[in-house]
Structures are given as C-alpha cells and as structure tokens.
Amino acid sequence: CVVTAEEHSVNGGLGEAVAHALAET
C-alpha cells in the first residue's frame, strides 16, 4: 500500500503520477 504527500493539488501532481505508474506496474 502507498501514501503520497505533496504541497500541491492532488489533481495532476505527484499523487496522480504515482497512482498511474502503479496502475500499470
């Protein structure tokens, strides 16, 4: 399981990048 943390919107930021990568791998 994974938690992402960023000082940025969850829309389009680190969280979405990580979720996209993990969805494929």
PDBML (XML) file of the C-alpha atoms, coordinates in Angstrom:
<?xml version="1.0" encoding="UTF-8" ?>
<PDBx:datablock datablockName="MODEL"
   xmlns:PDBx="http://pdbml.pdb.org/schema/pdbx-v50.xsd"
   xmlns:xsi="http://www.w3.org/2001/XMLSchema-instance"
   xsi:schemaLocation="http://pdbml.pdb.org/schema/pdbx-v50.xsd pdbx-v50.xsd">
   <PDBx:atom_siteCategory>
      <PDBx:atom_site id="1">
         <PDBx:B_iso_or_equiv>0.00</PDBx:B_iso_or_equiv>
         <PDBx:Cartn_x>0.000</PDBx:Cartn_x>
         <PDBx:Cartn_y>0.000</PDBx:Cartn_y>
         <PDBx:Cartn_z>0.000</PDBx:Cartn_z>
         <PDBx:auth_asym_id>A</PDBx:auth_asym_id>
         <PDBx:auth_atom_id>CA</PDBx:auth_atom_id>
         <PDBx:auth_comp_id>CYS</PDBx:auth_comp_id>
         <PDBx:auth_seq_id>1</PDBx:auth_seq_id>
         <PDBx:group_PDB>ATOM</PDBx:group_PDB>
         <PDBx:label_alt_id xsi:nil="true" />
         <PDBx:label_asym_id>A</PDBx:label_asym_id>
         <PDBx:label_atom_id>CA</PDBx:label_atom_id>
         <PDBx:label_comp_id>CYS</PDBx:label_comp_id>
         <PDBx:label_entity_id>1</PDBx:label_entity_id>
         <PDBx:label_seq_id>1</PDBx:label_seq_id>
         <PDBx:occupancy>1.00</PDBx:occupancy>
         <PDBx:pdbx_PDB_model_num>1</PDBx:pdbx_PDB_model_num>
         <PDBx:type_symbol>C</PDBx:type_symbol>
      </PDBx:atom_site>
      <PDBx:atom_site id="2">
         <PDBx:B_iso_or_equiv>0.00</PDBx:B_iso_or_equiv>
         <PDBx:Cartn_x>1.119</PDBx:Cartn_x>
         <PDBx:Cartn_y>3.565</PDBx:Cartn_y>
         <PDBx:Cartn_z>-0.728</PDBx:Cartn_z>
         <PDBx:auth_asym_id>A</PDBx:auth_asym_id>
         <PDBx:auth_atom_id>CA</PDBx:auth_atom_id>
         <PDBx:auth_comp_id>VAL</PDBx:auth_comp_id>
         <PDBx:auth_seq_id>2</PDBx:auth_seq_id>
         <PDBx:group_PDB>ATOM</PDBx:group_PDB>
         <PDBx:label_alt_id xsi:nil="true" />
         <PDBx:label_asym_id>A</PDBx:label_asym_id>
         <PDBx:label_atom_id>CA</PDBx:label_atom_id>
         <PDBx:label_comp_id>VAL</PDBx:label_comp_id>
         <PDBx:label_entity_id>1</PDBx:label_entity_id>
         <PDBx:label_seq_id>2</PDBx:label_seq_id>
         <PDBx:occupancy>1.00</PDBx:occupancy>
         <PDBx:pdbx_PDB_model_num>1</PDBx:pdbx_PDB_model_num>
         <PDBx:type_symbol>C</PDBx:type_symbol>
      </PDBx:atom_site>
      <PDBx:atom_site id="3">
         <PDBx:B_iso_or_equiv>0.00</PDBx:B_iso_or_equiv>
         <PDBx:Cartn_x>0.513</PDBx:Cartn_x>
         <PDBx:Cartn_y>7.097</PDBx:Cartn_y>
         <PDBx:Cartn_z>0.533</PDBx:Cartn_z>
         <PDBx:auth_asym_id>A</PDBx:auth_asym_id>
         <PDBx:auth_atom_id>CA</PDBx:auth_atom_id>
         <PDBx:auth_comp_id>VAL</PDBx:auth_comp_id>
         <PDBx:auth_seq_id>3</PDBx:auth_seq_id>
         <PDBx:group_PDB>ATOM</PDBx:group_PDB>
         <PDBx:label_alt_id xsi:nil="true" />
         <PDBx:label_asym_id>A</PDBx:label_asym_id>
         <PDBx:label_atom_id>CA</PDBx:label_atom_id>
         <PDBx:label_comp_id>VAL</PDBx:label_comp_id>
         <PDBx:label_entity_id>1</PDBx:label_entity_id>
         <PDBx:label_seq_id>3</PDBx:label_seq_id>
         <PDBx:occupancy>1.00</PDBx:occupancy>
         <PDBx:pdbx_PDB_model_num>1</PDBx:pdbx_PDB_model_num>
         <PDBx:type_symbol>C</PDBx:type_symbol>
      </PDBx:atom_site>
      <PDBx:atom_site id="4">
         <PDBx:B_iso_or_equiv>0.00</PDBx:B_iso_or_equiv>
         <PDBx:Cartn_x>1.637</PDBx:Cartn_x>
         <PDBx:Cartn_y>10.107</PDBx:Cartn_y>
         <PDBx:Cartn_z>-1.492</PDBx:Cartn_z>
         <PDBx:auth_asym_id>A</PDBx:auth_asym_id>
         <PDBx:auth_atom_id>CA</PDBx:auth_atom_id>
         <PDBx:auth_comp_id>THR</PDBx:auth_comp_id>
         <PDBx:auth_seq_id>4</PDBx:auth_seq_id>
         <PDBx:group_PDB>ATOM</PDBx:group_PDB>
         <PDBx:label_alt_id xsi:nil="true" />
         <PDBx:label_asym_id>A</PDBx:label_asym_id>
         <PDBx:label_atom_id>CA</PDBx:label_atom_id>
         <PDBx:label_comp_id>THR</PDBx:label_comp_id>
         <PDBx:label_entity_id>1</PDBx:label_entity_id>
         <PDBx:label_seq_id>4</PDBx:label_seq_id>
         <PDBx:occupancy>1.00</PDBx:occupancy>
         <PDBx:pdbx_PDB_model_num>1</PDBx:pdbx_PDB_model_num>
         <PDBx:type_symbol>C</PDBx:type_symbol>
      </PDBx:atom_site>
      <PDBx:atom_site id="5">
         <PDBx:B_iso_or_equiv>0.00</PDBx:B_iso_or_equiv>
         <PDBx:Cartn_x>2.267</PDBx:Cartn_x>
         <PDBx:Cartn_y>13.516</PDBx:Cartn_y>
         <PDBx:Cartn_z>0.085</PDBx:Cartn_z>
         <PDBx:auth_asym_id>A</PDBx:auth_asym_id>
         <PDBx:auth_atom_id>CA</PDBx:auth_atom_id>
         <PDBx:auth_comp_id>ALA</PDBx:auth_comp_id>
         <PDBx:auth_seq_id>5</PDBx:auth_seq_id>
         <PDBx:group_PDB>ATOM</PDBx:group_PDB>
         <PDBx:label_alt_id xsi:nil="true" />
         <PDBx:label_asym_id>A</PDBx:label_asym_id>
         <PDBx:label_atom_id>CA</PDBx:label_atom_id>
         <PDBx:label_comp_id>ALA</PDBx:label_comp_id>
         <PDBx:label_entity_id>1</PDBx:label_entity_id>
         <PDBx:label_seq_id>5</PDBx:label_seq_id>
         <PDBx:occupancy>1.00</PDBx:occupancy>
         <PDBx:pdbx_PDB_model_num>1</PDBx:pdbx_PDB_model_num>
         <PDBx:type_symbol>C</PDBx:type_symbol>
      </PDBx:atom_site>
      <PDBx:atom_site id="6">
         <PDBx:B_iso_or_equiv>0.00</PDBx:B_iso_or_equiv>
         <PDBx:Cartn_x>2.710</PDBx:Cartn_x>
         <PDBx:Cartn_y>16.798</PDBx:Cartn_y>
         <PDBx:Cartn_z>-1.762</PDBx:Cartn_z>
         <PDBx:auth_asym_id>A</PDBx:auth_asym_id>
         <PDBx:auth_atom_id>CA</PDBx:auth_atom_id>
         <PDBx:auth_comp_id>GLU</PDBx:auth_comp_id>
         <PDBx:auth_seq_id>6</PDBx:auth_seq_id>
         <PDBx:group_PDB>ATOM</PDBx:group_PDB>
         <PDBx:label_alt_id xsi:nil="true" />
         <PDBx:label_asym_id>A</PDBx:label_asym_id>
         <PDBx:label_atom_id>CA</PDBx:label_atom_id>
         <PDBx:label_comp_id>GLU</PDBx:label_comp_id>
         <PDBx:label_entity_id>1</PDBx:label_entity_id>
         <PDBx:label_seq_id>6</PDBx:label_seq_id>
         <PDBx:occupancy>1.00</PDBx:occupancy>
         <PDBx:pdbx_PDB_model_num>1</PDBx:pdbx_PDB_model_num>
         <PDBx:type_symbol>C</PDBx:type_symbol>
      </PDBx:atom_site>
      <PDBx:atom_site id="7">
         <PDBx:B_iso_or_equiv>0.00</PDBx:B_iso_or_equiv>
         <PDBx:Cartn_x>2.351</PDBx:Cartn_x>
         <PDBx:Cartn_y>20.538</PDBx:Cartn_y>
         <PDBx:Cartn_z>-1.178</PDBx:Cartn_z>
         <PDBx:auth_asym_id>A</PDBx:auth_asym_id>
         <PDBx:auth_atom_id>CA</PDBx:auth_atom_id>
         <PDBx:auth_comp_id>GLU</PDBx:auth_comp_id>
         <PDBx:auth_seq_id>7</PDBx:auth_seq_id>
         <PDBx:group_PDB>ATOM</PDBx:group_PDB>
         <PDBx:label_alt_id xsi:nil="true" />
         <PDBx:label_asym_id>A</PDBx:label_asym_id>
         <PDBx:label_atom_id>CA</PDBx:label_atom_id>
         <PDBx:label_comp_id>GLU</PDBx:label_comp_id>
         <PDBx:label_entity_id>1</PDBx:label_entity_id>
         <PDBx:label_seq_id>7</PDBx:label_seq_id>
         <PDBx:occupancy>1.00</PDBx:occupancy>
         <PDBx:pdbx_PDB_model_num>1</PDBx:pdbx_PDB_model_num>
         <PDBx:type_symbol>C</PDBx:type_symbol>
      </PDBx:atom_site>
      <PDBx:atom_site id="8">
         <PDBx:B_iso_or_equiv>0.00</PDBx:B_iso_or_equiv>
         <PDBx:Cartn_x>0.337</PDBx:Cartn_x>
         <PDBx:Cartn_y>20.725</PDBx:Cartn_y>
         <PDBx:Cartn_z>-4.398</PDBx:Cartn_z>
         <PDBx:auth_asym_id>A</PDBx:auth_asym_id>
         <PDBx:auth_atom_id>CA</PDBx:auth_atom_id>
         <PDBx:auth_comp_id>HIS</PDBx:auth_comp_id>
         <PDBx:auth_seq_id>8</PDBx:auth_seq_id>
         <PDBx:group_PDB>ATOM</PDBx:group_PDB>
         <PDBx:label_alt_id xsi:nil="true" />
         <PDBx:label_asym_id>A</PDBx:label_asym_id>
         <PDBx:label_atom_id>CA</PDBx:label_atom_id>
         <PDBx:label_comp_id>HIS</PDBx:label_comp_id>
         <PDBx:label_entity_id>1</PDBx:label_entity_id>
         <PDBx:label_seq_id>8</PDBx:label_seq_id>
         <PDBx:occupancy>1.00</PDBx:occupancy>
         <PDBx:pdbx_PDB_model_num>1</PDBx:pdbx_PDB_model_num>
         <PDBx:type_symbol>C</PDBx:type_symbol>
      </PDBx:atom_site>
      <PDBx:atom_site id="9">
         <PDBx:B_iso_or_equiv>0.00</PDBx:B_iso_or_equiv>
         <PDBx:Cartn_x>-3.048</PDBx:Cartn_x>
         <PDBx:Cartn_y>19.788</PDBx:Cartn_y>
         <PDBx:Cartn_z>-5.756</PDBx:Cartn_z>
         <PDBx:auth_asym_id>A</PDBx:auth_asym_id>
         <PDBx:auth_atom_id>CA</PDBx:auth_atom_id>
         <PDBx:auth_comp_id>SER</PDBx:auth_comp_id>
         <PDBx:auth_seq_id>9</PDBx:auth_seq_id>
         <PDBx:group_PDB>ATOM</PDBx:group_PDB>
         <PDBx:label_alt_id xsi:nil="true" />
         <PDBx:label_asym_id>A</PDBx:label_asym_id>
         <PDBx:label_atom_id>CA</PDBx:label_atom_id>
         <PDBx:label_comp_id>SER</PDBx:label_comp_id>
         <PDBx:label_entity_id>1</PDBx:label_entity_id>
         <PDBx:label_seq_id>9</PDBx:label_seq_id>
         <PDBx:occupancy>1.00</PDBx:occupancy>
         <PDBx:pdbx_PDB_model_num>1</PDBx:pdbx_PDB_model_num>
         <PDBx:type_symbol>C</PDBx:type_symbol>
      </PDBx:atom_site>
      <PDBx:atom_site id="10">
         <PDBx:B_iso_or_equiv>0.00</PDBx:B_iso_or_equiv>
         <PDBx:Cartn_x>-3.737</PDBx:Cartn_x>
         <PDBx:Cartn_y>16.048</PDBx:Cartn_y>
         <PDBx:Cartn_z>-5.839</PDBx:Cartn_z>
         <PDBx:auth_asym_id>A</PDBx:auth_asym_id>
         <PDBx:auth_atom_id>CA</PDBx:auth_atom_id>
         <PDBx:auth_comp_id>VAL</PDBx:auth_comp_id>
         <PDBx:auth_seq_id>10</PDBx:auth_seq_id>
         <PDBx:group_PDB>ATOM</PDBx:group_PDB>
         <PDBx:label_alt_id xsi:nil="true" />
         <PDBx:label_asym_id>A</PDBx:label_asym_id>
         <PDBx:label_atom_id>CA</PDBx:label_atom_id>
         <PDBx:label_comp_id>VAL</PDBx:label_comp_id>
         <PDBx:label_entity_id>1</PDBx:label_entity_id>
         <PDBx:label_seq_id>10</PDBx:label_seq_id>
         <PDBx:occupancy>1.00</PDBx:occupancy>
         <PDBx:pdbx_PDB_model_num>1</PDBx:pdbx_PDB_model_num>
         <PDBx:type_symbol>C</PDBx:type_symbol>
      </PDBx:atom_site>
      <PDBx:atom_site id="11">
         <PDBx:B_iso_or_equiv>0.00</PDBx:B_iso_or_equiv>
         <PDBx:Cartn_x>-5.100</PDBx:Cartn_x>
         <PDBx:Cartn_y>16.700</PDBx:Cartn_y>
         <PDBx:Cartn_z>-9.335</PDBx:Cartn_z>
         <PDBx:auth_asym_id>A</PDBx:auth_asym_id>
         <PDBx:auth_atom_id>CA</PDBx:auth_atom_id>
         <PDBx:auth_comp_id>ASN</PDBx:auth_comp_id>
         <PDBx:auth_seq_id>11</PDBx:auth_seq_id>
         <PDBx:group_PDB>ATOM</PDBx:group_PDB>
         <PDBx:label_alt_id xsi:nil="true" />
         <PDBx:label_asym_id>A</PDBx:label_asym_id>
         <PDBx:label_atom_id>CA</PDBx:label_atom_id>
         <PDBx:label_comp_id>ASN</PDBx:label_comp_id>
         <PDBx:label_entity_id>1</PDBx:label_entity_id>
         <PDBx:label_seq_id>11</PDBx:label_seq_id>
         <PDBx:occupancy>1.00</PDBx:occupancy>
         <PDBx:pdbx_PDB_model_num>1</PDBx:pdbx_PDB_model_num>
         <PDBx:type_symbol>C</PDBx:type_symbol>
      </PDBx:atom_site>
      <PDBx:atom_site id="12">
         <PDBx:B_iso_or_equiv>0.00</PDBx:B_iso_or_equiv>
         <PDBx:Cartn_x>-2.231</PDBx:Cartn_x>
         <PDBx:Cartn_y>16.215</PDBx:Cartn_y>
         <PDBx:Cartn_z>-11.752</PDBx:Cartn_z>
         <PDBx:auth_asym_id>A</PDBx:auth_asym_id>
         <PDBx:auth_atom_id>CA</PDBx:auth_atom_id>
         <PDBx:auth_comp_id>GLY</PDBx:auth_comp_id>
         <PDBx:auth_seq_id>12</PDBx:auth_seq_id>
         <PDBx:group_PDB>ATOM</PDBx:group_PDB>
         <PDBx:label_alt_id xsi:nil="true" />
         <PDBx:label_asym_id>A</PDBx:label_asym_id>
         <PDBx:label_atom_id>CA</PDBx:label_atom_id>
         <PDBx:label_comp_id>GLY</PDBx:label_comp_id>
         <PDBx:label_entity_id>1</PDBx:label_entity_id>
         <PDBx:label_seq_id>12</PDBx:label_seq_id>
         <PDBx:occupancy>1.00</PDBx:occupancy>
         <PDBx:pdbx_PDB_model_num>1</PDBx:pdbx_PDB_model_num>
         <PDBx:type_symbol>C</PDBx:type_symbol>
      </PDBx:atom_site>
      <PDBx:atom_site id="13">
         <PDBx:B_iso_or_equiv>0.00</PDBx:B_iso_or_equiv>
         <PDBx:Cartn_x>0.580</PDBx:Cartn_x>
         <PDBx:Cartn_y>16.181</PDBx:Cartn_y>
         <PDBx:Cartn_z>-9.214</PDBx:Cartn_z>
         <PDBx:auth_asym_id>A</PDBx:auth_asym_id>
         <PDBx:auth_atom_id>CA</PDBx:auth_atom_id>
         <PDBx:auth_comp_id>GLY</PDBx:auth_comp_id>
         <PDBx:auth_seq_id>13</PDBx:auth_seq_id>
         <PDBx:group_PDB>ATOM</PDBx:group_PDB>
         <PDBx:label_alt_id xsi:nil="true" />
         <PDBx:label_asym_id>A</PDBx:label_asym_id>
         <PDBx:label_atom_id>CA</PDBx:label_atom_id>
         <PDBx:label_comp_id>GLY</PDBx:label_comp_id>
         <PDBx:label_entity_id>1</PDBx:label_entity_id>
         <PDBx:label_seq_id>13</PDBx:label_seq_id>
         <PDBx:occupancy>1.00</PDBx:occupancy>
         <PDBx:pdbx_PDB_model_num>1</PDBx:pdbx_PDB_model_num>
         <PDBx:type_symbol>C</PDBx:type_symbol>
      </PDBx:atom_site>
      <PDBx:atom_site id="14">
         <PDBx:B_iso_or_equiv>0.00</PDBx:B_iso_or_equiv>
         <PDBx:Cartn_x>2.760</PDBx:Cartn_x>
         <PDBx:Cartn_y>13.554</PDBx:Cartn_y>
         <PDBx:Cartn_z>-7.573</PDBx:Cartn_z>
         <PDBx:auth_asym_id>A</PDBx:auth_asym_id>
         <PDBx:auth_atom_id>CA</PDBx:auth_atom_id>
         <PDBx:auth_comp_id>LEU</PDBx:auth_comp_id>
         <PDBx:auth_seq_id>14</PDBx:auth_seq_id>
         <PDBx:group_PDB>ATOM</PDBx:group_PDB>
         <PDBx:label_alt_id xsi:nil="true" />
         <PDBx:label_asym_id>A</PDBx:label_asym_id>
         <PDBx:label_atom_id>CA</PDBx:label_atom_id>
         <PDBx:label_comp_id>LEU</PDBx:label_comp_id>
         <PDBx:label_entity_id>1</PDBx:label_entity_id>
         <PDBx:label_seq_id>14</PDBx:label_seq_id>
         <PDBx:occupancy>1.00</PDBx:occupancy>
         <PDBx:pdbx_PDB_model_num>1</PDBx:pdbx_PDB_model_num>
         <PDBx:type_symbol>C</PDBx:type_symbol>
      </PDBx:atom_site>
      <PDBx:atom_site id="15">
         <PDBx:B_iso_or_equiv>0.00</PDBx:B_iso_or_equiv>
         <PDBx:Cartn_x>-0.199</PDBx:Cartn_x>
         <PDBx:Cartn_y>11.501</PDBx:Cartn_y>
         <PDBx:Cartn_z>-6.359</PDBx:Cartn_z>
         <PDBx:auth_asym_id>A</PDBx:auth_asym_id>
         <PDBx:auth_atom_id>CA</PDBx:auth_atom_id>
         <PDBx:auth_comp_id>GLY</PDBx:auth_comp_id>
         <PDBx:auth_seq_id>15</PDBx:auth_seq_id>
         <PDBx:group_PDB>ATOM</PDBx:group_PDB>
         <PDBx:label_alt_id xsi:nil="true" />
         <PDBx:label_asym_id>A</PDBx:label_asym_id>
         <PDBx:label_atom_id>CA</PDBx:label_atom_id>
         <PDBx:label_comp_id>GLY</PDBx:label_comp_id>
         <PDBx:label_entity_id>1</PDBx:label_entity_id>
         <PDBx:label_seq_id>15</PDBx:label_seq_id>
         <PDBx:occupancy>1.00</PDBx:occupancy>
         <PDBx:pdbx_PDB_model_num>1</PDBx:pdbx_PDB_model_num>
         <PDBx:type_symbol>C</PDBx:type_symbol>
      </PDBx:atom_site>
      <PDBx:atom_site id="16">
         <PDBx:B_iso_or_equiv>0.00</PDBx:B_iso_or_equiv>
         <PDBx:Cartn_x>-1.656</PDBx:Cartn_x>
         <PDBx:Cartn_y>11.051</PDBx:Cartn_y>
         <PDBx:Cartn_z>-9.818</PDBx:Cartn_z>
         <PDBx:auth_asym_id>A</PDBx:auth_asym_id>
         <PDBx:auth_atom_id>CA</PDBx:auth_atom_id>
         <PDBx:auth_comp_id>GLU</PDBx:auth_comp_id>
         <PDBx:auth_seq_id>16</PDBx:auth_seq_id>
         <PDBx:group_PDB>ATOM</PDBx:group_PDB>
         <PDBx:label_alt_id xsi:nil="true" />
         <PDBx:label_asym_id>A</PDBx:label_asym_id>
         <PDBx:label_atom_id>CA</PDBx:label_atom_id>
         <PDBx:label_comp_id>GLU</PDBx:label_comp_id>
         <PDBx:label_entity_id>1</PDBx:label_entity_id>
         <PDBx:label_seq_id>16</PDBx:label_seq_id>
         <PDBx:occupancy>1.00</PDBx:occupancy>
         <PDBx:pdbx_PDB_model_num>1</PDBx:pdbx_PDB_model_num>
         <PDBx:type_symbol>C</PDBx:type_symbol>
      </PDBx:atom_site>
      <PDBx:atom_site id="17">
         <PDBx:B_iso_or_equiv>0.00</PDBx:B_iso_or_equiv>
         <PDBx:Cartn_x>1.779</PDBx:Cartn_x>
         <PDBx:Cartn_y>10.316</PDBx:Cartn_y>
         <PDBx:Cartn_z>-11.281</PDBx:Cartn_z>
         <PDBx:auth_asym_id>A</PDBx:auth_asym_id>
         <PDBx:auth_atom_id>CA</PDBx:auth_atom_id>
         <PDBx:auth_comp_id>ALA</PDBx:auth_comp_id>
         <PDBx:auth_seq_id>17</PDBx:auth_seq_id>
         <PDBx:group_PDB>ATOM</PDBx:group_PDB>
         <PDBx:label_alt_id xsi:nil="true" />
         <PDBx:label_asym_id>A</PDBx:label_asym_id>
         <PDBx:label_atom_id>CA</PDBx:label_atom_id>
         <PDBx:label_comp_id>ALA</PDBx:label_comp_id>
         <PDBx:label_entity_id>1</PDBx:label_entity_id>
         <PDBx:label_seq_id>17</PDBx:label_seq_id>
         <PDBx:occupancy>1.00</PDBx:occupancy>
         <PDBx:pdbx_PDB_model_num>1</PDBx:pdbx_PDB_model_num>
         <PDBx:type_symbol>C</PDBx:type_symbol>
      </PDBx:atom_site>
      <PDBx:atom_site id="18">
         <PDBx:B_iso_or_equiv>0.00</PDBx:B_iso_or_equiv>
         <PDBx:Cartn_x>2.390</PDBx:Cartn_x>
         <PDBx:Cartn_y>7.566</PDBx:Cartn_y>
         <PDBx:Cartn_z>-8.705</PDBx:Cartn_z>
         <PDBx:auth_asym_id>A</PDBx:auth_asym_id>
         <PDBx:auth_atom_id>CA</PDBx:auth_atom_id>
         <PDBx:auth_comp_id>VAL</PDBx:auth_comp_id>
         <PDBx:auth_seq_id>18</PDBx:auth_seq_id>
         <PDBx:group_PDB>ATOM</PDBx:group_PDB>
         <PDBx:label_alt_id xsi:nil="true" />
         <PDBx:label_asym_id>A</PDBx:label_asym_id>
         <PDBx:label_atom_id>CA</PDBx:label_atom_id>
         <PDBx:label_comp_id>VAL</PDBx:label_comp_id>
         <PDBx:label_entity_id>1</PDBx:label_entity_id>
         <PDBx:label_seq_id>18</PDBx:label_seq_id>
         <PDBx:occupancy>1.00</PDBx:occupancy>
         <PDBx:pdbx_PDB_model_num>1</PDBx:pdbx_PDB_model_num>
         <PDBx:type_symbol>C</PDBx:type_symbol>
      </PDBx:atom_site>
      <PDBx:atom_site id="19">
         <PDBx:B_iso_or_equiv>0.00</PDBx:B_iso_or_equiv>
         <PDBx:Cartn_x>-1.126</PDBx:Cartn_x>
         <PDBx:Cartn_y>6.132</PDBx:Cartn_y>
         <PDBx:Cartn_z>-8.988</PDBx:Cartn_z>
         <PDBx:auth_asym_id>A</PDBx:auth_asym_id>
         <PDBx:auth_atom_id>CA</PDBx:auth_atom_id>
         <PDBx:auth_comp_id>ALA</PDBx:auth_comp_id>
         <PDBx:auth_seq_id>19</PDBx:auth_seq_id>
         <PDBx:group_PDB>ATOM</PDBx:group_PDB>
         <PDBx:label_alt_id xsi:nil="true" />
         <PDBx:label_asym_id>A</PDBx:label_asym_id>
         <PDBx:label_atom_id>CA</PDBx:label_atom_id>
         <PDBx:label_comp_id>ALA</PDBx:label_comp_id>
         <PDBx:label_entity_id>1</PDBx:label_entity_id>
         <PDBx:label_seq_id>19</PDBx:label_seq_id>
         <PDBx:occupancy>1.00</PDBx:occupancy>
         <PDBx:pdbx_PDB_model_num>1</PDBx:pdbx_PDB_model_num>
         <PDBx:type_symbol>C</PDBx:type_symbol>
      </PDBx:atom_site>
      <PDBx:atom_site id="20">
         <PDBx:B_iso_or_equiv>0.00</PDBx:B_iso_or_equiv>
         <PDBx:Cartn_x>-0.830</PDBx:Cartn_x>
         <PDBx:Cartn_y>5.996</PDBx:Cartn_y>
         <PDBx:Cartn_z>-12.776</PDBx:Cartn_z>
         <PDBx:auth_asym_id>A</PDBx:auth_asym_id>
         <PDBx:auth_atom_id>CA</PDBx:auth_atom_id>
         <PDBx:auth_comp_id>HIS</PDBx:auth_comp_id>
         <PDBx:auth_seq_id>20</PDBx:auth_seq_id>
         <PDBx:group_PDB>ATOM</PDBx:group_PDB>
         <PDBx:label_alt_id xsi:nil="true" />
         <PDBx:label_asym_id>A</PDBx:label_asym_id>
         <PDBx:label_atom_id>CA</PDBx:label_atom_id>
         <PDBx:label_comp_id>HIS</PDBx:label_comp_id>
         <PDBx:label_entity_id>1</PDBx:label_entity_id>
         <PDBx:label_seq_id>20</PDBx:label_seq_id>
         <PDBx:occupancy>1.00</PDBx:occupancy>
         <PDBx:pdbx_PDB_model_num>1</PDBx:pdbx_PDB_model_num>
         <PDBx:type_symbol>C</PDBx:type_symbol>
      </PDBx:atom_site>
      <PDBx:atom_site id="21">
         <PDBx:B_iso_or_equiv>0.00</PDBx:B_iso_or_equiv>
         <PDBx:Cartn_x>2.552</PDBx:Cartn_x>
         <PDBx:Cartn_y>4.277</PDBx:Cartn_y>
         <PDBx:Cartn_z>-12.600</PDBx:Cartn_z>
         <PDBx:auth_asym_id>A</PDBx:auth_asym_id>
         <PDBx:auth_atom_id>CA</PDBx:auth_atom_id>
         <PDBx:auth_comp_id>ALA</PDBx:auth_comp_id>
         <PDBx:auth_seq_id>21</PDBx:auth_seq_id>
         <PDBx:group_PDB>ATOM</PDBx:group_PDB>
         <PDBx:label_alt_id xsi:nil="true" />
         <PDBx:label_asym_id>A</PDBx:label_asym_id>
         <PDBx:label_atom_id>CA</PDBx:label_atom_id>
         <PDBx:label_comp_id>ALA</PDBx:label_comp_id>
         <PDBx:label_entity_id>1</PDBx:label_entity_id>
         <PDBx:label_seq_id>21</PDBx:label_seq_id>
         <PDBx:occupancy>1.00</PDBx:occupancy>
         <PDBx:pdbx_PDB_model_num>1</PDBx:pdbx_PDB_model_num>
         <PDBx:type_symbol>C</PDBx:type_symbol>
      </PDBx:atom_site>
      <PDBx:atom_site id="22">
         <PDBx:B_iso_or_equiv>0.00</PDBx:B_iso_or_equiv>
         <PDBx:Cartn_x>1.337</PDBx:Cartn_x>
         <PDBx:Cartn_y>1.696</PDBx:Cartn_y>
         <PDBx:Cartn_z>-10.071</PDBx:Cartn_z>
         <PDBx:auth_asym_id>A</PDBx:auth_asym_id>
         <PDBx:auth_atom_id>CA</PDBx:auth_atom_id>
         <PDBx:auth_comp_id>LEU</PDBx:auth_comp_id>
         <PDBx:auth_seq_id>22</PDBx:auth_seq_id>
         <PDBx:group_PDB>ATOM</PDBx:group_PDB>
         <PDBx:label_alt_id xsi:nil="true" />
         <PDBx:label_asym_id>A</PDBx:label_asym_id>
         <PDBx:label_atom_id>CA</PDBx:label_atom_id>
         <PDBx:label_comp_id>LEU</PDBx:label_comp_id>
         <PDBx:label_entity_id>1</PDBx:label_entity_id>
         <PDBx:label_seq_id>22</PDBx:label_seq_id>
         <PDBx:occupancy>1.00</PDBx:occupancy>
         <PDBx:pdbx_PDB_model_num>1</PDBx:pdbx_PDB_model_num>
         <PDBx:type_symbol>C</PDBx:type_symbol>
      </PDBx:atom_site>
      <PDBx:atom_site id="23">
         <PDBx:B_iso_or_equiv>0.00</PDBx:B_iso_or_equiv>
         <PDBx:Cartn_x>-1.855</PDBx:Cartn_x>
         <PDBx:Cartn_y>1.004</PDBx:Cartn_y>
         <PDBx:Cartn_z>-12.023</PDBx:Cartn_z>
         <PDBx:auth_asym_id>A</PDBx:auth_asym_id>
         <PDBx:auth_atom_id>CA</PDBx:auth_atom_id>
         <PDBx:auth_comp_id>ALA</PDBx:auth_comp_id>
         <PDBx:auth_seq_id>23</PDBx:auth_seq_id>
         <PDBx:group_PDB>ATOM</PDBx:group_PDB>
         <PDBx:label_alt_id xsi:nil="true" />
         <PDBx:label_asym_id>A</PDBx:label_asym_id>
         <PDBx:label_atom_id>CA</PDBx:label_atom_id>
         <PDBx:label_comp_id>ALA</PDBx:label_comp_id>
         <PDBx:label_entity_id>1</PDBx:label_entity_id>
         <PDBx:label_seq_id>23</PDBx:label_seq_id>
         <PDBx:occupancy>1.00</PDBx:occupancy>
         <PDBx:pdbx_PDB_model_num>1</PDBx:pdbx_PDB_model_num>
         <PDBx:type_symbol>C</PDBx:type_symbol>
      </PDBx:atom_site>
      <PDBx:atom_site id="24">
         <PDBx:B_iso_or_equiv>0.00</PDBx:B_iso_or_equiv>
         <PDBx:Cartn_x>0.350</PDBx:Cartn_x>
         <PDBx:Cartn_y>-0.125</PDBx:Cartn_y>
         <PDBx:Cartn_z>-14.909</PDBx:Cartn_z>
         <PDBx:auth_asym_id>A</PDBx:auth_asym_id>
         <PDBx:auth_atom_id>CA</PDBx:auth_atom_id>
         <PDBx:auth_comp_id>GLU</PDBx:auth_comp_id>
         <PDBx:auth_seq_id>24</PDBx:auth_seq_id>
         <PDBx:group_PDB>ATOM</PDBx:group_PDB>
         <PDBx:label_alt_id xsi:nil="true" />
         <PDBx:label_asym_id>A</PDBx:label_asym_id>
         <PDBx:label_atom_id>CA</PDBx:label_atom_id>
         <PDBx:label_comp_id>GLU</PDBx:label_comp_id>
         <PDBx:label_entity_id>1</PDBx:label_entity_id>
         <PDBx:label_seq_id>24</PDBx:label_seq_id>
         <PDBx:occupancy>1.00</PDBx:occupancy>
         <PDBx:pdbx_PDB_model_num>1</PDBx:pdbx_PDB_model_num>
         <PDBx:type_symbol>C</PDBx:type_symbol>
      </PDBx:atom_site>
      <PDBx:atom_site id="25">
         <PDBx:B_iso_or_equiv>0.00</PDBx:B_iso_or_equiv>
         <PDBx:Cartn_x>3.003</PDBx:Cartn_x>
         <PDBx:Cartn_y>-1.975</PDBx:Cartn_y>
         <PDBx:Cartn_z>-12.910</PDBx:Cartn_z>
         <PDBx:auth_asym_id>A</PDBx:auth_asym_id>
         <PDBx:auth_atom_id>CA</PDBx:auth_atom_id>
         <PDBx:auth_comp_id>THR</PDBx:auth_comp_id>
         <PDBx:auth_seq_id>25</PDBx:auth_seq_id>
         <PDBx:group_PDB>ATOM</PDBx:group_PDB>
         <PDBx:label_alt_id xsi:nil="true" />
         <PDBx:label_asym_id>A</PDBx:label_asym_id>
         <PDBx:label_atom_id>CA</PDBx:label_atom_id>
         <PDBx:label_comp_id>THR</PDBx:label_comp_id>
         <PDBx:label_entity_id>1</PDBx:label_entity_id>
         <PDBx:label_seq_id>25</PDBx:label_seq_id>
         <PDBx:occupancy>1.00</PDBx:occupancy>
         <PDBx:pdbx_PDB_model_num>1</PDBx:pdbx_PDB_model_num>
         <PDBx:type_symbol>C</PDBx:type_symbol>
      </PDBx:atom_site>
   </PDBx:atom_siteCategory>
</PDBx:datablock>
